[in-house]
């Protein structure tokens, strides 16, 4: 692995890319959580089913958000 000096533009792009990764992950997480747990706000479901949907929504949304951050930052690292 060789090291080289990064230009100012390359150094400025890093926080922008991190911000994009986090913002898009949050958006994805909210969208997935609303999709999975949303029916609990609309319909009168049994308590066990409501809890299951909320917990499943949290786990799936959190996992996909982490995967999104890793994916965006991995692709950014591969460009350089």
PDB file of N, CA and C in Angstrom:
ATOM      1  N   UNK A   1       0.841  -1.167   0.000  1.00  0.00           N
ATOM      2  CA  UNK A   1       0.000   0.000   0.000  1.00  0.00           C
ATOM      3  C   UNK A   1       0.884   1.227   0.000  1.00  0.00           C
ATOM      4  N   UNK A   2       0.641   2.098  -0.917  1.00  0.00           N
ATOM      5  CA  UNK A   2       1.431   3.321  -0.984  1.00  0.00           C
ATOM      6  C   UNK A   2       0.654   4.459  -0.345  1.00  0.00           C
ATOM      7  N   UNK A   3       1.375   5.362   0.240  1.00  0.00           N
ATOM      8  CA  UNK A   3       0.738   6.537   0.826  1.00  0.00           C
ATOM      9  C   UNK A   3       1.074   7.746  -0.027  1.00  0.00           C
ATOM     10  N   UNK A   4       0.091   8.621  -0.145  1.00  0.00           N
ATOM     11  CA  UNK A   4       0.308   9.842  -0.906  1.00  0.00           C
ATOM     12  C   UNK A   4      -0.462  10.959  -0.220  1.00  0.00           C
ATOM     13  N   UNK A   5      -0.098  12.158  -0.549  1.00  0.00           N
ATOM     14  CA  UNK A   5      -0.789  13.313   0.002  1.00  0.00           C
ATOM     15  C   UNK A   5      -2.145  13.453  -0.677  1.00  0.00           C
ATOM     16  N   UNK A   6      -3.160  13.701   0.119  1.00  0.00           N
ATOM     17  CA  UNK A   6      -4.486  13.939  -0.435  1.00  0.00           C
ATOM     18  C   UNK A   6      -4.655  15.429  -0.689  1.00  0.00           C
ATOM     19  N   UNK A   7      -5.363  15.738  -1.743  1.00  0.00           N
ATOM     20  CA  UNK A   7      -5.629  17.143  -2.040  1.00  0.00           C
ATOM     21  C   UNK A   7      -6.695  17.667  -1.078  1.00  0.00           C
ATOM     22  N   UNK A   8      -6.846  18.966  -1.053  1.00  0.00           N
ATOM     23  CA  UNK A   8      -7.852  19.575  -0.178  1.00  0.00           C
ATOM     24  C   UNK A   8      -9.252  19.122  -0.584  1.00  0.00           C
ATOM     25  N   UNK A   9      -9.486  18.981  -1.867  1.00  0.00           N
ATOM     26  CA  UNK A   9     -10.800  18.527  -2.334  1.00  0.00           C
ATOM     27  C   UNK A   9     -11.098  17.109  -1.849  1.00  0.00           C
ATOM     28  N   UNK A  10     -10.099  16.248  -1.871  1.00  0.00           N
ATOM     29  CA  UNK A  10     -10.293  14.882  -1.381  1.00  0.00           C
ATOM     30  C   UNK A  10     -10.551  14.873   0.120  1.00  0.00           C
ATOM     31  N   UNK A  11      -9.839  15.721   0.860  1.00  0.00           N
ATOM     32  CA  UNK A  11     -10.069  15.796   2.309  1.00  0.00           C
ATOM     33  C   UNK A  11     -11.444  16.376   2.623  1.00  0.00           C
ATOM     34  N   UNK A  12     -11.916  17.312   1.811  1.00  0.00           N
ATOM     35  CA  UNK A  12     -13.243  17.887   2.030  1.00  0.00           C
ATOM     36  C   UNK A  12     -14.357  16.906   1.667  1.00  0.00           C
ATOM     37  N   UNK A  13     -14.089  15.994   0.763  1.00  0.00           N
ATOM     38  CA  UNK A  13     -15.119  15.050   0.323  1.00  0.00           C
ATOM     39  C   UNK A  13     -15.411  13.986   1.374  1.00  0.00           C
ATOM     40  N   UNK A  14     -14.473  13.711   2.247  1.00  0.00           N
ATOM     41  CA  UNK A  14     -14.658  12.640   3.236  1.00  0.00           C
ATOM     42  C   UNK A  14     -15.826  12.928   4.182  1.00  0.00           C
ATOM     43  N   UNK A  15     -15.898  14.104   4.843  1.00  0.00           N
ATOM     44  CA  UNK A  15     -17.052  14.340   5.723  1.00  0.00           C
ATOM     45  C   UNK A  15     -18.376  14.418   4.962  1.00  0.00           C
ATOM     46  N   UNK A  16     -18.340  14.890   3.727  1.00  0.00           N
ATOM     47  CA  UNK A  16     -19.567  14.924   2.928  1.00  0.00           C
ATOM     48  C   UNK A  16     -20.055  13.503   2.681  1.00  0.00           C
ATOM     49  N   UNK A  17     -19.157  12.611   2.353  1.00  0.00           N
ATOM     50  CA  UNK A  17     -19.531  11.224   2.093  1.00  0.00           C
ATOM     51  C   UNK A  17     -20.034  10.540   3.364  1.00  0.00           C
ATOM     52  N   UNK A  18     -19.409  10.826   4.487  1.00  0.00           N
ATOM     53  CA  UNK A  18     -19.872  10.257   5.762  1.00  0.00           C
ATOM     54  C   UNK A  18     -21.268  10.771   6.092  1.00  0.00           C
ATOM     55  N   UNK A  19     -21.478  12.067   5.890  1.00  0.00           N
ATOM     56  CA  UNK A  19     -22.804  12.646   6.138  1.00  0.00           C
ATOM     57  C   UNK A  19     -23.861  12.037   5.241  1.00  0.00           C
ATOM     58  N   UNK A  20     -23.513  11.844   3.963  1.00  0.00           N
ATOM     59  CA  UNK A  20     -24.452  11.214   3.036  1.00  0.00           C
ATOM     60  C   UNK A  20     -24.773   9.788   3.476  1.00  0.00           C
ATOM     61  N   UNK A  21     -23.758   9.065   3.899  1.00  0.00           N
ATOM     62  CA  UNK A  21     -23.975   7.682   4.329  1.00  0.00           C
ATOM     63  C   UNK A  21     -24.911   7.634   5.536  1.00  0.00           C
ATOM     64  N   UNK A  22     -24.695   8.508   6.499  1.00  0.00           N
ATOM     65  CA  UNK A  22     -25.537   8.506   7.698  1.00  0.00           C
ATOM     66  C   UNK A  22     -26.956   8.977   7.399  1.00  0.00           C
ATOM     67  N   UNK A  23     -27.076  10.025   6.587  1.00  0.00           N
ATOM     68  CA  UNK A  23     -28.404  10.543   6.260  1.00  0.00           C
ATOM     69  C   UNK A  23     -29.214   9.528   5.461  1.00  0.00           C
ATOM     70  N   UNK A  24     -28.597   8.896   4.474  1.00  0.00           N
ATOM     71  CA  UNK A  24     -29.333   7.907   3.683  1.00  0.00           C
ATOM     72  C   UNK A  24     -29.665   6.673   4.523  1.00  0.00           C
ATOM     73  N   UNK A  25     -28.794   6.324   5.482  1.00  0.00           N
ATOM     74  CA  UNK A  25     -29.085   5.192   6.366  1.00  0.00           C
ATOM     75  C   UNK A  25     -30.263   5.510   7.287  1.00  0.00           C
ATOM     76  N   UNK A  26     -30.309   6.733   7.798  1.00  0.00           N
ATOM     77  CA  UNK A  26     -31.449   7.130   8.647  1.00  0.00           C
ATOM     78  C   UNK A  26     -32.753   7.108   7.854  1.00  0.00           C
ATOM     79  N   UNK A  27     -32.711   7.627   6.645  1.00  0.00           N
ATOM     80  CA  UNK A  27     -33.908   7.622   5.807  1.00  0.00           C
ATOM     81  C   UNK A  27     -34.372   6.190   5.535  1.00  0.00           C
ATOM     82  N   UNK A  28     -33.431   5.323   5.190  1.00  0.00           N
ATOM     83  CA  UNK A  28     -33.770   3.923   4.938  1.00  0.00           C
ATOM     84  C   UNK A  28     -34.336   3.270   6.199  1.00  0.00           C
ATOM     85  N   UNK A  29     -33.721   3.536   7.346  1.00  0.00           N
ATOM     86  CA  UNK A  29     -34.190   2.955   8.594  1.00  0.00           C
ATOM     87  C   UNK A  29     -35.612   3.380   8.935  1.00  0.00           C
ATOM     88  N   UNK A  30     -35.908   4.663   8.778  1.00  0.00           N
ATOM     89  CA  UNK A  30     -37.257   5.159   9.065  1.00  0.00           C
ATOM     90  C   UNK A  30     -38.263   4.541   8.101  1.00  0.00           C
ATOM     91  N   UNK A  31     -37.895   4.474   6.839  1.00  0.00           N
ATOM     92  CA  UNK A  31     -38.802   3.915   5.835  1.00  0.00           C
ATOM     93  C   UNK A  31     -39.105   2.440   6.112  1.00  0.00           C
ATOM     94  N   UNK A  32     -38.072   1.673   6.432  1.00  0.00           N
ATOM     95  CA  UNK A  32     -38.270   0.242   6.699  1.00  0.00           C
ATOM     96  C   UNK A  32     -39.054   0.038   7.993  1.00  0.00           C
ATOM     97  N   UNK A  33     -38.727   0.814   9.035  1.00  0.00           N
ATOM     98  CA  UNK A  33     -39.461   0.676  10.292  1.00  0.00           C
ATOM     99  C   UNK A  33     -40.936   1.016  10.090  1.00  0.00           C
ATOM    100  N   UNK A  34     -41.209   2.088   9.358  1.00  0.00           N
ATOM    101  CA  UNK A  34     -42.605   2.474   9.122  1.00  0.00           C
ATOM    102  C   UNK A  34     -43.338   1.410   8.315  1.00  0.00           C
ATOM    103  N   UNK A  35     -42.636   0.770   7.414  1.00  0.00           N
ATOM    104  CA  UNK A  35     -43.266  -0.270   6.604  1.00  0.00           C
ATOM    105  C   UNK A  35     -43.615  -1.499   7.445  1.00  0.00           C
ATOM    106  N   UNK A  36     -42.708  -1.883   8.325  1.00  0.00           N
ATOM    107  CA  UNK A  36     -42.936  -3.097   9.115  1.00  0.00           C
ATOM    108  C   UNK A  36     -43.852  -2.830  10.313  1.00  0.00           C
ATOM    109  N   UNK A  37     -43.590  -1.757  11.045  1.00  0.00           N
ATOM    110  CA  UNK A  37     -44.351  -1.496  12.268  1.00  0.00           C
ATOM    111  C   UNK A  37     -45.560  -0.593  12.035  1.00  0.00           C
ATOM    112  N   UNK A  38     -45.699  -0.053  10.852  1.00  0.00           N
ATOM    113  CA  UNK A  38     -46.806   0.847  10.552  1.00  0.00           C
ATOM    114  C   UNK A  38     -48.192   0.268  10.779  1.00  0.00           C
ATOM    115  N   UNK A  39     -48.424  -0.971  10.443  1.00  0.00           N
ATOM    116  CA  UNK A  39     -49.765  -1.518  10.659  1.00  0.00           C
ATOM    117  C   UNK A  39     -50.226  -1.476  12.121  1.00  0.00           C
ATOM    118  N   UNK A  40     -49.286  -1.415  13.052  1.00  0.00           N
ATOM    119  CA  UNK A  40     -49.694  -1.344  14.462  1.00  0.00           C
ATOM    120  C   UNK A  40     -50.364  -0.013  14.780  1.00  0.00           C
ATOM    121  N   UNK A  41     -50.057   1.027  14.021  1.00  0.00           N
ATOM    122  CA  UNK A  41     -50.682   2.331  14.238  1.00  0.00           C
ATOM    123  C   UNK A  41     -52.042   2.430  13.556  1.00  0.00           C
ATOM    124  N   UNK A  42     -52.306   1.565  12.580  1.00  0.00           N
ATOM    125  CA  UNK A  42     -53.534   1.659  11.800  1.00  0.00           C
ATOM    126  C   UNK A  42     -54.585   0.665  12.284  1.00  0.00           C
ATOM    127  N   UNK A  43     -54.166  -0.555  12.517  1.00  0.00           N
ATOM    128  CA  UNK A  43     -55.110  -1.608  12.875  1.00  0.00           C
ATOM    129  C   UNK A  43     -55.004  -1.969  14.345  1.00  0.00           C
ATOM    130  N   UNK A  44     -56.071  -2.527  14.862  1.00  0.00           N
ATOM    131  CA  UNK A  44     -56.101  -2.993  16.246  1.00  0.00           C
ATOM    132  C   UNK A  44     -55.664  -4.462  16.255  1.00  0.00           C
ATOM    133  N   UNK A  45     -54.374  -4.665  16.460  1.00  0.00           N
ATOM    134  CA  UNK A  45     -53.806  -6.013  16.459  1.00  0.00           C
ATOM    135  C   UNK A  45     -53.631  -6.503  17.894  1.00  0.00           C
ATOM    136  N   UNK A  46     -53.507  -7.824  18.088  1.00  0.00           N
ATOM    137  CA  UNK A  46     -53.217  -8.335  19.423  1.00  0.00           C
ATOM    138  C   UNK A  46     -51.883  -7.756  19.934  1.00  0.00           C
ATOM    139  N   UNK A  47     -51.772  -7.638  21.245  1.00  0.00           N
ATOM    140  CA  UNK A  47     -50.591  -7.018  21.859  1.00  0.00           C
ATOM    141  C   UNK A  47     -49.305  -7.736  21.483  1.00  0.00           C
ATOM    142  N   UNK A  48     -49.349  -9.050  21.440  1.00  0.00           N
ATOM    143  CA  UNK A  48     -48.162  -9.816  21.077  1.00  0.00           C
ATOM    144  C   UNK A  48     -47.705  -9.533  19.650  1.00  0.00           C
ATOM    145  N   UNK A  49     -48.658  -9.409  18.757  1.00  0.00           N
ATOM    146  CA  UNK A  49     -48.334  -9.118  17.357  1.00  0.00           C
ATOM    147  C   UNK A  49     -47.787  -7.696  17.221  1.00  0.00           C
ATOM    148  N   UNK A  50     -48.360  -6.755  17.944  1.00  0.00           N
ATOM    149  CA  UNK A  50     -47.860  -5.374  17.896  1.00  0.00           C
ATOM    150  C   UNK A  50     -46.420  -5.302  18.393  1.00  0.00           C
ATOM    151  N   UNK A  51     -46.144  -5.966  19.503  1.00  0.00           N
ATOM    152  CA  UNK A  51     -44.779  -5.969  20.029  1.00  0.00           C
ATOM    153  C   UNK A  51     -43.812  -6.630  19.053  1.00  0.00           C
ATOM    154  N   UNK A  52     -44.241  -7.740  18.466  1.00  0.00           N
ATOM    155  CA  UNK A  52     -43.384  -8.428  17.507  1.00  0.00           C
ATOM    156  C   UNK A  52     -43.066  -7.546  16.316  1.00  0.00           C
ATOM    157  N   UNK A  53     -44.064  -6.872  15.761  1.00  0.00           N
ATOM    158  CA  UNK A  53     -43.842  -6.019  14.597  1.00  0.00           C
ATOM    159  C   UNK A  53     -42.922  -4.842  14.929  1.00  0.00           C
ATOM    160  N   UNK A  54     -43.091  -4.260  16.096  1.00  0.00           N
ATOM    161  CA  UNK A  54     -42.221  -3.144  16.482  1.00  0.00           C
ATOM    162  C   UNK A  54     -40.774  -3.599  16.674  1.00  0.00           C
ATOM    163  N   UNK A  55     -40.594  -4.712  17.354  1.00  0.00           N
ATOM    164  CA  UNK A  55     -39.234  -5.220  17.575  1.00  0.00           C
ATOM    165  C   UNK A  55     -38.603  -5.657  16.252  1.00  0.00           C
ATOM    166  N   UNK A  56     -39.375  -6.354  15.432  1.00  0.00           N
ATOM    167  CA  UNK A  56     -38.859  -6.772  14.126  1.00  0.00           C
ATOM    168  C   UNK A  56     -38.512  -5.559  13.275  1.00  0.00           C
ATOM    169  N   UNK A  57     -39.343  -4.537  13.317  1.00  0.00           N
ATOM    170  CA  UNK A  57     -39.058  -3.310  12.575  1.00  0.00           C
ATOM    171  C   UNK A  57     -37.779  -2.648  13.039  1.00  0.00           C
ATOM    172  N   UNK A  58     -37.562  -2.613  14.348  1.00  0.00           N
ATOM    173  CA  UNK A  58     -36.329  -2.022  14.877  1.00  0.00           C
ATOM    174  C   UNK A  58     -35.101  -2.800  14.437  1.00  0.00           C
ATOM    175  N   UNK A  59     -35.163  -4.113  14.532  1.00  0.00           N
ATOM    176  CA  UNK A  59     -34.008  -4.934  14.168  1.00  0.00           C
ATOM    177  C   UNK A  59     -33.690  -4.849  12.676  1.00  0.00           C
ATOM    178  N   UNK A  60     -34.708  -4.972  11.861  1.00  0.00           N
ATOM    179  CA  UNK A  60     -34.483  -4.939  10.417  1.00  0.00           C
ATOM    180  C   UNK A  60     -34.016  -3.551   9.982  1.00  0.00           C
ATOM    181  N   UNK A  61     -34.656  -2.504  10.494  1.00  0.00           N
ATOM    182  CA  UNK A  61     -34.267  -1.144  10.126  1.00  0.00           C
ATOM    183  C   UNK A  61     -32.848  -0.833  10.585  1.00  0.00           C
ATOM    184  N   UNK A  62     -32.511  -1.228  11.797  1.00  0.00           N
ATOM    185  CA  UNK A  62     -31.151  -0.997  12.289  1.00  0.00           C
ATOM    186  C   UNK A  62     -30.107  -1.751  11.499  1.00  0.00           C
ATOM    187  N   UNK A  63     -30.401  -2.998  11.193  1.00  0.00           N
ATOM    188  CA  UNK A  63     -29.456  -3.795  10.413  1.00  0.00           C
ATOM    189  C   UNK A  63     -29.249  -3.239   9.015  1.00  0.00           C
ATOM    190  N   UNK A  64     -30.333  -2.847   8.367  1.00  0.00           N
ATOM    191  CA  UNK A  64     -30.204  -2.291   7.026  1.00  0.00           C
ATOM    192  C   UNK A  64     -29.500  -0.933   7.046  1.00  0.00           C
ATOM    193  N   UNK A  65     -29.711  -0.148   8.097  1.00  0.00           N
ATOM    194  CA  UNK A  65     -29.023   1.138   8.204  1.00  0.00           C
ATOM    195  C   UNK A  65     -27.517   0.935   8.335  1.00  0.00           C
ATOM    196  N   UNK A  66     -27.110  -0.019   9.136  1.00  0.00           N
ATOM    197  CA  UNK A  66     -25.679  -0.307   9.279  1.00  0.00           C
ATOM    198  C   UNK A  66     -25.099  -0.800   7.951  1.00  0.00           C
ATOM    199  N   UNK A  67     -25.815  -1.675   7.283  1.00  0.00           N
ATOM    200  CA  UNK A  67     -25.358  -2.177   5.985  1.00  0.00           C
ATOM    201  C   UNK A  67     -25.245  -1.028   4.989  1.00  0.00           C
ATOM    202  N   UNK A  68     -26.179  -0.091   5.019  1.00  0.00           N
ATOM    203  CA  UNK A  68     -26.142   1.052   4.101  1.00  0.00           C
ATOM    204  C   UNK A  68     -24.905   1.913   4.339  1.00  0.00           C
ATOM    205  N   UNK A  69     -24.592   2.203   5.598  1.00  0.00           N
ATOM    206  CA  UNK A  69     -23.411   3.011   5.911  1.00  0.00           C
ATOM    207  C   UNK A  69     -22.150   2.308   5.425  1.00  0.00           C
ATOM    208  N   UNK A  70     -22.037   1.038   5.716  1.00  0.00           N
ATOM    209  CA  UNK A  70     -20.855   0.284   5.300  1.00  0.00           C
ATOM    210  C   UNK A  70     -20.752   0.258   3.777  1.00  0.00           C
ATOM    211  N   UNK A  71     -21.861   0.054   3.106  1.00  0.00           N
ATOM    212  CA  UNK A  71     -21.849  -0.018   1.646  1.00  0.00           C
ATOM    213  C   UNK A  71     -21.409   1.305   1.015  1.00  0.00           C
ATOM    214  N   UNK A  72     -21.976   2.415   1.485  1.00  0.00           N
ATOM    215  CA  UNK A  72     -21.628   3.722   0.915  1.00  0.00           C
ATOM    216  C   UNK A  72     -20.159   4.041   1.168  1.00  0.00           C
ATOM    217  N   UNK A  73     -19.695   3.824   2.390  1.00  0.00           N
ATOM    218  CA  UNK A  73     -18.305   4.152   2.694  1.00  0.00           C
ATOM    219  C   UNK A  73     -17.337   3.187   2.010  1.00  0.00           C
ATOM    220  N   UNK A  74     -17.737   1.948   1.827  1.00  0.00           N
ATOM    221  CA  UNK A  74     -16.891   0.978   1.126  1.00  0.00           C
ATOM    222  C   UNK A  74     -16.722   1.407  -0.329  1.00  0.00           C
ATOM    223  N   UNK A  75     -17.839   1.783  -0.968  1.00  0.00           N
ATOM    224  CA  UNK A  75     -17.752   2.222  -2.358  1.00  0.00           C
ATOM    225  C   UNK A  75     -16.929   3.497  -2.483  1.00  0.00           C
ATOM    226  N   UNK A  76     -17.032   4.401  -1.521  1.00  0.00           N
ATOM    227  CA  UNK A  76     -16.221   5.615  -1.559  1.00  0.00           C
ATOM    228  C   UNK A  76     -14.746   5.278  -1.448  1.00  0.00           C
ATOM    229  N   UNK A  77     -14.404   4.334  -0.590  1.00  0.00           N
ATOM    230  CA  UNK A  77     -13.015   3.923  -0.433  1.00  0.00           C
ATOM    231  C   UNK A  77     -12.458   3.233  -1.658  1.00  0.00           C
ATOM    232  N   UNK A  78     -13.302   2.547  -2.405  1.00  0.00           N
ATOM    233  CA  UNK A  78     -12.859   1.854  -3.608  1.00  0.00           C
ATOM    234  C   UNK A  78     -12.611   2.823  -4.771  1.00  0.00           C
ATOM    235  N   UNK A  79     -13.263   3.987  -4.746  1.00  0.00           N
ATOM    236  CA  UNK A  79     -13.081   4.967  -5.818  1.00  0.00           C
ATOM    237  C   UNK A  79     -11.669   5.542  -5.831  1.00  0.00           C
ATOM    238  N   UNK A  80     -11.122   5.756  -4.641  1.00  0.00           N
ATOM    239  CA  UNK A  80      -9.818   6.425  -4.541  1.00  0.00           C
ATOM    240  C   UNK A  80      -8.707   5.618  -5.099  1.00  0.00           C
TER     241      UNK A  80
END
